[in-house]
Amino acid sequence: MAVRNFELTEPQTTRLPVVELAPKRREVRRSKQRYALVGALAVAVPFFAALIALGVAH
């Protein structure tokens, strides 16, 4: 089992956390639309590939 020795003699700096701006409504909407498109393609492509494979095998 490894034991780590932390140096606690250094003063702790009290920095303010970095605050990021919330995304704009337009950016959120585009992101949702992009993920919806990717999800729809992830379902549709294998479905149509299976239809083509069944058509060829028939």
PDB file of N, CA and C in Angstrom:
ATOM      1  N   MET A   1       0.850  -1.174   0.000  1.00  0.00           N
ATOM      2  CA  MET A   1       0.000   0.000   0.000  1.00  0.00           C
ATOM      3  C   MET A   1       0.899   1.241   0.000  1.00  0.00           C
ATOM      4  N   ALA A   2       0.653   2.153  -0.878  1.00  0.00           N
ATOM      5  CA  ALA A   2       1.462   3.365  -0.989  1.00  0.00           C
ATOM      6  C   ALA A   2       0.908   4.449  -0.075  1.00  0.00           C
ATOM      7  N   VAL A   3       1.812   5.179   0.525  1.00  0.00           N
ATOM      8  CA  VAL A   3       1.427   6.292   1.396  1.00  0.00           C
ATOM      9  C   VAL A   3       2.034   7.550   0.806  1.00  0.00           C
ATOM     10  N   ARG A   4       1.232   8.561   0.671  1.00  0.00           N
ATOM     11  CA  ARG A   4       1.712   9.827   0.110  1.00  0.00           C
ATOM     12  C   ARG A   4       1.898  10.839   1.230  1.00  0.00           C
ATOM     13  N   ASN A   5       2.984  11.564   1.177  1.00  0.00           N
ATOM     14  CA  ASN A   5       3.292  12.585   2.163  1.00  0.00           C
ATOM     15  C   ASN A   5       3.019  13.942   1.522  1.00  0.00           C
ATOM     16  N   PHE A   6       2.022  14.649   2.016  1.00  0.00           N
ATOM     17  CA  PHE A   6       1.665  15.950   1.460  1.00  0.00           C
ATOM     18  C   PHE A   6       2.350  17.047   2.253  1.00  0.00           C
ATOM     19  N   GLU A   7       2.837  18.018   1.548  1.00  0.00           N
ATOM     20  CA  GLU A   7       3.480  19.164   2.182  1.00  0.00           C
ATOM     21  C   GLU A   7       2.393  20.159   2.556  1.00  0.00           C
ATOM     22  N   LEU A   8       2.200  20.355   3.852  1.00  0.00           N
ATOM     23  CA  LEU A   8       1.140  21.237   4.319  1.00  0.00           C
ATOM     24  C   LEU A   8       1.667  22.565   4.838  1.00  0.00           C
ATOM     25  N   THR A   9       2.962  22.811   4.682  1.00  0.00           N
ATOM     26  CA  THR A   9       3.514  24.054   5.208  1.00  0.00           C
ATOM     27  C   THR A   9       3.276  25.240   4.287  1.00  0.00           C
ATOM     28  N   GLU A  10       2.920  24.973   3.016  1.00  0.00           N
ATOM     29  CA  GLU A  10       2.669  26.069   2.096  1.00  0.00           C
ATOM     30  C   GLU A  10       1.318  26.706   2.412  1.00  0.00           C
ATOM     31  N   PRO A  11       1.255  28.030   2.358  1.00  0.00           N
ATOM     32  CA  PRO A  11      -0.031  28.686   2.631  1.00  0.00           C
ATOM     33  C   PRO A  11      -1.038  28.384   1.522  1.00  0.00           C
ATOM     34  N   GLN A  12      -2.225  28.152   1.923  1.00  0.00           N
ATOM     35  CA  GLN A  12      -3.284  27.877   0.950  1.00  0.00           C
ATOM     36  C   GLN A  12      -3.767  29.202   0.379  1.00  0.00           C
ATOM     37  N   THR A  13      -3.768  29.286  -0.936  1.00  0.00           N
ATOM     38  CA  THR A  13      -4.247  30.513  -1.569  1.00  0.00           C
ATOM     39  C   THR A  13      -5.755  30.420  -1.736  1.00  0.00           C
ATOM     40  N   THR A  14      -6.418  31.508  -1.487  1.00  0.00           N
ATOM     41  CA  THR A  14      -7.872  31.539  -1.642  1.00  0.00           C
ATOM     42  C   THR A  14      -8.188  32.217  -2.957  1.00  0.00           C
ATOM     43  N   ARG A  15      -8.194  31.431  -4.000  1.00  0.00           N
ATOM     44  CA  ARG A  15      -8.523  31.959  -5.326  1.00  0.00           C
ATOM     45  C   ARG A  15     -10.009  31.800  -5.566  1.00  0.00           C
ATOM     46  N   LEU A  16     -10.519  32.736  -6.313  1.00  0.00           N
ATOM     47  CA  LEU A  16     -11.915  32.606  -6.717  1.00  0.00           C
ATOM     48  C   LEU A  16     -11.999  31.591  -7.851  1.00  0.00           C
ATOM     49  N   PRO A  17     -13.004  30.751  -7.837  1.00  0.00           N
ATOM     50  CA  PRO A  17     -13.128  29.786  -8.932  1.00  0.00           C
ATOM     51  C   PRO A  17     -13.444  30.504 -10.247  1.00  0.00           C
ATOM     52  N   VAL A  18     -12.985  29.910 -11.315  1.00  0.00           N
ATOM     53  CA  VAL A  18     -13.236  30.480 -12.637  1.00  0.00           C
ATOM     54  C   VAL A  18     -14.708  30.254 -12.977  1.00  0.00           C
ATOM     55  N   VAL A  19     -15.373  31.323 -13.296  1.00  0.00           N
ATOM     56  CA  VAL A  19     -16.794  31.254 -13.617  1.00  0.00           C
ATOM     57  C   VAL A  19     -16.944  31.381 -15.122  1.00  0.00           C
ATOM     58  N   GLU A  20     -17.605  30.402 -15.711  1.00  0.00           N
ATOM     59  CA  GLU A  20     -17.841  30.446 -17.152  1.00  0.00           C
ATOM     60  C   GLU A  20     -19.270  30.908 -17.410  1.00  0.00           C
ATOM     61  N   LEU A  21     -19.442  31.605 -18.505  1.00  0.00           N
ATOM     62  CA  LEU A  21     -20.767  32.077 -18.860  1.00  0.00           C
ATOM     63  C   LEU A  21     -21.638  30.904 -19.292  1.00  0.00           C
ATOM     64  N   ALA A  22     -22.901  31.006 -18.982  1.00  0.00           N
ATOM     65  CA  ALA A  22     -23.840  29.983 -19.419  1.00  0.00           C
ATOM     66  C   ALA A  22     -23.989  30.068 -20.934  1.00  0.00           C
ATOM     67  N   PRO A  23     -24.188  28.927 -21.595  1.00  0.00           N
ATOM     68  CA  PRO A  23     -24.340  28.975 -23.055  1.00  0.00           C
ATOM     69  C   PRO A  23     -25.604  29.735 -23.453  1.00  0.00           C
ATOM     70  N   LYS A  24     -25.510  30.365 -24.575  1.00  0.00           N
ATOM     71  CA  LYS A  24     -26.656  31.120 -25.091  1.00  0.00           C
ATOM     72  C   LYS A  24     -27.762  30.172 -25.535  1.00  0.00           C
ATOM     73  N   ARG A  25     -28.968  30.678 -25.591  1.00  0.00           N
ATOM     74  CA  ARG A  25     -30.108  29.846 -26.000  1.00  0.00           C
ATOM     75  C   ARG A  25     -29.903  29.258 -27.388  1.00  0.00           C
ATOM     76  N   ARG A  26     -29.347  30.053 -28.276  1.00  0.00           N
ATOM     77  CA  ARG A  26     -29.107  29.591 -29.645  1.00  0.00           C
ATOM     78  C   ARG A  26     -28.130  28.420 -29.651  1.00  0.00           C
ATOM     79  N   GLU A  27     -27.072  28.516 -28.830  1.00  0.00           N
ATOM     80  CA  GLU A  27     -26.090  27.439 -28.753  1.00  0.00           C
ATOM     81  C   GLU A  27     -26.699  26.169 -28.170  1.00  0.00           C
ATOM     82  N   VAL A  28     -27.540  26.328 -27.172  1.00  0.00           N
ATOM     83  CA  VAL A  28     -28.199  25.163 -26.562  1.00  0.00           C
ATOM     84  C   VAL A  28     -29.120  24.496 -27.574  1.00  0.00           C
ATOM     85  N   ARG A  29     -29.871  25.301 -28.319  1.00  0.00           N
ATOM     86  CA  ARG A  29     -30.789  24.756 -29.318  1.00  0.00           C
ATOM     87  C   ARG A  29     -30.021  24.019 -30.415  1.00  0.00           C
ATOM     88  N   ARG A  30     -28.931  24.600 -30.884  1.00  0.00           N
ATOM     89  CA  ARG A  30     -28.122  23.942 -31.923  1.00  0.00           C
ATOM     90  C   ARG A  30     -27.540  22.635 -31.416  1.00  0.00           C
ATOM     91  N   SER A  31     -27.109  22.647 -30.175  1.00  0.00           N
ATOM     92  CA  SER A  31     -26.544  21.432 -29.592  1.00  0.00           C
ATOM     93  C   SER A  31     -27.606  20.339 -29.495  1.00  0.00           C
ATOM     94  N   LYS A  32     -28.805  20.702 -29.064  1.00  0.00           N
ATOM     95  CA  LYS A  32     -29.894  19.721 -28.976  1.00  0.00           C
ATOM     96  C   LYS A  32     -30.255  19.191 -30.355  1.00  0.00           C
ATOM     97  N   GLN A  33     -30.308  20.080 -31.340  1.00  0.00           N
ATOM     98  CA  GLN A  33     -30.632  19.648 -32.697  1.00  0.00           C
ATOM     99  C   GLN A  33     -29.557  18.724 -33.253  1.00  0.00           C
ATOM    100  N   ARG A  34     -28.305  19.036 -32.963  1.00  0.00           N
ATOM    101  CA  ARG A  34     -27.198  18.207 -33.445  1.00  0.00           C
ATOM    102  C   ARG A  34     -27.273  16.803 -32.835  1.00  0.00           C
ATOM    103  N   TYR A  35     -27.496  16.737 -31.526  1.00  0.00           N
ATOM    104  CA  TYR A  35     -27.583  15.424 -30.879  1.00  0.00           C
ATOM    105  C   TYR A  35     -28.831  14.665 -31.316  1.00  0.00           C
ATOM    106  N   ALA A  36     -29.923  15.374 -31.601  1.00  0.00           N
ATOM    107  CA  ALA A  36     -31.124  14.712 -32.105  1.00  0.00           C
ATOM    108  C   ALA A  36     -30.861  14.118 -33.482  1.00  0.00           C
ATOM    109  N   LEU A  37     -30.158  14.834 -34.323  1.00  0.00           N
ATOM    110  CA  LEU A  37     -29.817  14.333 -35.656  1.00  0.00           C
ATOM    111  C   LEU A  37     -28.893  13.120 -35.565  1.00  0.00           C
ATOM    112  N   VAL A  38     -27.892  13.199 -34.716  1.00  0.00           N
ATOM    113  CA  VAL A  38     -26.975  12.069 -34.554  1.00  0.00           C
ATOM    114  C   VAL A  38     -27.734  10.853 -34.029  1.00  0.00           C
ATOM    115  N   GLY A  39     -28.629  11.060 -33.075  1.00  0.00           N
ATOM    116  CA  GLY A  39     -29.424   9.955 -32.545  1.00  0.00           C
ATOM    117  C   GLY A  39     -30.329   9.345 -33.599  1.00  0.00           C
ATOM    118  N   ALA A  40     -30.965  10.179 -34.397  1.00  0.00           N
ATOM    119  CA  ALA A  40     -31.849   9.676 -35.450  1.00  0.00           C
ATOM    120  C   ALA A  40     -31.051   8.882 -36.490  1.00  0.00           C
ATOM    121  N   LEU A  41     -29.884   9.370 -36.843  1.00  0.00           N
ATOM    122  CA  LEU A  41     -29.047   8.643 -37.800  1.00  0.00           C
ATOM    123  C   LEU A  41     -28.539   7.330 -37.206  1.00  0.00           C
ATOM    124  N   ALA A  42     -28.252   7.330 -35.912  1.00  0.00           N
ATOM    125  CA  ALA A  42     -27.768   6.111 -35.260  1.00  0.00           C
ATOM    126  C   ALA A  42     -28.837   5.023 -35.275  1.00  0.00           C
ATOM    127  N   VAL A  43     -30.092   5.400 -35.316  1.00  0.00           N
ATOM    128  CA  VAL A  43     -31.180   4.416 -35.379  1.00  0.00           C
ATOM    129  C   VAL A  43     -31.522   4.092 -36.831  1.00  0.00           C
ATOM    130  N   ALA A  44     -31.558   5.098 -37.686  1.00  0.00           N
ATOM    131  CA  ALA A  44     -32.027   4.913 -39.053  1.00  0.00           C
ATOM    132  C   ALA A  44     -31.036   4.149 -39.932  1.00  0.00           C
ATOM    133  N   VAL A  45     -29.768   4.417 -39.807  1.00  0.00           N
ATOM    134  CA  VAL A  45     -28.783   3.790 -40.683  1.00  0.00           C
ATOM    135  C   VAL A  45     -28.771   2.267 -40.528  1.00  0.00           C
ATOM    136  N   PRO A  46     -28.692   1.716 -39.314  1.00  0.00           N
ATOM    137  CA  PRO A  46     -28.735   0.255 -39.205  1.00  0.00           C
ATOM    138  C   PRO A  46     -30.078  -0.334 -39.671  1.00  0.00           C
ATOM    139  N   PHE A  47     -31.170   0.401 -39.466  1.00  0.00           N
ATOM    140  CA  PHE A  47     -32.478  -0.073 -39.904  1.00  0.00           C
ATOM    141  C   PHE A  47     -32.510  -0.222 -41.421  1.00  0.00           C
ATOM    142  N   PHE A  48     -32.081   0.813 -42.119  1.00  0.00           N
ATOM    143  CA  PHE A  48     -32.089   0.738 -43.583  1.00  0.00           C
ATOM    144  C   PHE A  48     -31.063  -0.263 -44.107  1.00  0.00           C
ATOM    145  N   ALA A  49     -29.942  -0.407 -43.409  1.00  0.00           N
ATOM    146  CA  ALA A  49     -28.961  -1.402 -43.808  1.00  0.00           C
ATOM    147  C   ALA A  49     -29.550  -2.819 -43.674  1.00  0.00           C
ATOM    148  N   ALA A  50     -30.321  -3.032 -42.608  1.00  0.00           N
ATOM    149  CA  ALA A  50     -30.964  -4.343 -42.428  1.00  0.00           C
ATOM    150  C   ALA A  50     -32.012  -4.578 -43.514  1.00  0.00           C
ATOM    151  N   LEU A  51     -32.763  -3.552 -43.890  1.00  0.00           N
ATOM    152  CA  LEU A  51     -33.753  -3.690 -44.957  1.00  0.00           C
ATOM    153  C   LEU A  51     -33.083  -4.044 -46.269  1.00  0.00           C
ATOM    154  N   ILE A  52     -31.965  -3.402 -46.558  1.00  0.00           N
ATOM    155  CA  ILE A  52     -31.243  -3.690 -47.794  1.00  0.00           C
ATOM    156  C   ILE A  52     -30.688  -5.116 -47.760  1.00  0.00           C
ATOM    157  N   ALA A  53     -30.148  -5.523 -46.611  1.00  0.00           N
ATOM    158  CA  ALA A  53     -29.600  -6.872 -46.492  1.00  0.00           C
ATOM    159  C   ALA A  53     -30.695  -7.920 -46.655  1.00  0.00           C
ATOM    160  N   LEU A  54     -31.867  -7.675 -46.080  1.00  0.00           N
ATOM    161  CA  LEU A  54     -32.981  -8.599 -46.245  1.00  0.00           C
ATOM    162  C   LEU A  54     -33.468  -8.636 -47.683  1.00  0.00           C
ATOM    163  N   GLY A  55     -33.466  -7.487 -48.338  1.00  0.00           N
ATOM    164  CA  GLY A  55     -33.893  -7.429 -49.741  1.00  0.00           C
ATOM    165  C   GLY A  55     -32.929  -8.178 -50.640  1.00  0.00           C
ATOM    166  N   VAL A  56     -31.643  -8.076 -50.383  1.00  0.00           N
ATOM    167  CA  VAL A  56     -30.640  -8.758 -51.191  1.00  0.00           C
ATOM    168  C   VAL A  56     -30.721 -10.260 -50.943  1.00  0.00           C
ATOM    169  N   ALA A  57     -30.936 -10.661 -49.688  1.00  0.00           N
ATOM    170  CA  ALA A  57     -30.961 -12.079 -49.336  1.00  0.00           C
ATOM    171  C   ALA A  57     -32.252 -12.746 -49.809  1.00  0.00           C
ATOM    172  N   HIS A  58     -33.271 -11.962 -50.017  1.00  0.00           N
ATOM    173  CA  HIS A  58     -34.552 -12.544 -50.431  1.00  0.00           C
ATOM    174  C   HIS A  58     -34.512 -12.838 -51.891  1.00  0.00           C
TER     175      HIS A  58
END
